[in-house]
Every structure is written in structure tokens, then in C-alpha cells.
Amino acid sequence: MAELNISATDLSNEINISRNALNLCRSGKAKMIKFETIAELCKGLYVQPDYFFKEK
């Protein structure tokens, strides 16, 4: 999000996901994430799904 200079609110509005759900994903506290949510995040952030599963 920082690289794209987009706020959590703007991203959640753009991809139609609640800000609360987005914050849970960002914090790593989400227990389960739907494939549809991952797909929307990928579209909004211009990344492939494997981006979220790489070890850093």
C-alpha cells in the first residue's frame, strides 16, 4: 500500500472490502480469508496471490 501511496480506506472502497476485514488481513490476525478477498486484494494492489505467501 505504501508503494502505491494508497490508504486503507481508499483501498477498501476501491475493492469493496470492509476496512475492518482489510485491517485484520494487514495485521495478520485474520483466521480465514476467502479466495474472493485475496483476488480483490490482488486486483487492488496489482500483485499476484503468491505475494501474500512469500516469507520475508
Protein backbone atom coordinates (compact mmCIF):
# COMPACT_ATOMS: atom_id res chain seq x y z
CA MET A 1 0.00 0.00 0.00
CA ALA A 2 2.87 2.35 0.78
CA GLU A 3 4.42 1.76 -2.65
CA LEU A 4 1.11 2.66 -4.30
CA ASN A 5 0.55 5.56 -1.89
CA ILE A 6 -2.97 4.34 -1.09
CA SER A 7 -4.68 4.43 2.28
CA ALA A 8 -6.57 1.54 3.84
CA THR A 9 -9.81 3.46 3.45
CA ASP A 10 -9.20 4.14 -0.24
CA LEU A 11 -8.24 0.53 -0.92
CA SER A 12 -11.22 -0.87 0.95
CA ASN A 13 -13.55 1.40 -1.01
CA GLU A 14 -11.88 0.53 -4.33
CA ILE A 15 -12.08 -3.24 -3.89
CA ASN A 16 -15.34 -3.29 -1.91
CA ILE A 17 -13.97 -4.97 1.21
CA SER A 18 -14.72 -3.62 4.67
CA ARG A 19 -11.96 -1.63 6.29
CA ASN A 20 -12.17 -3.94 9.30
CA ALA A 21 -11.54 -7.01 7.11
CA LEU A 22 -8.65 -5.23 5.43
CA ASN A 23 -7.11 -4.29 8.78
CA LEU A 24 -7.39 -7.89 10.01
CA CYS A 25 -5.53 -9.04 6.89
CA ARG A 26 -2.86 -6.37 7.30
CA SER A 27 -2.27 -7.19 10.96
CA GLY A 28 -2.08 -10.94 10.38
CA LYS A 29 -4.96 -11.55 12.79
CA ALA A 30 -7.39 -12.86 10.17
CA LYS A 31 -8.11 -16.52 10.85
CA MET A 32 -9.61 -17.30 7.44
CA ILE A 33 -9.57 -15.29 4.24
CA LYS A 34 -11.86 -16.10 1.33
CA PHE A 35 -10.30 -16.68 -2.06
CA GLU A 36 -12.51 -13.87 -3.37
CA THR A 37 -10.97 -11.48 -0.84
CA ILE A 38 -7.45 -12.47 -1.89
CA ALA A 39 -8.42 -11.97 -5.54
CA GLU A 40 -9.80 -8.49 -4.81
CA LEU A 41 -6.69 -7.55 -2.83
CA CYS A 42 -4.53 -8.70 -5.74
CA LYS A 43 -6.50 -6.54 -8.17
CA GLY A 44 -6.37 -3.51 -5.89
CA LEU A 45 -2.65 -3.85 -5.16
CA TYR A 46 -1.55 -5.06 -8.62
CA VAL A 47 0.10 -8.22 -7.29
CA GLN A 48 -0.20 -11.97 -7.78
CA PRO A 49 -1.60 -14.17 -4.96
CA ASP A 50 1.82 -15.65 -4.19
CA TYR A 51 2.87 -12.17 -3.00
CA PHE A 52 0.92 -12.77 0.22
CA PHE A 53 2.50 -16.14 0.90
CA LYS A 54 6.20 -15.34 0.46
CA GLU A 55 8.40 -15.41 3.52
CA LYS A 56 10.04 -12.09 4.19
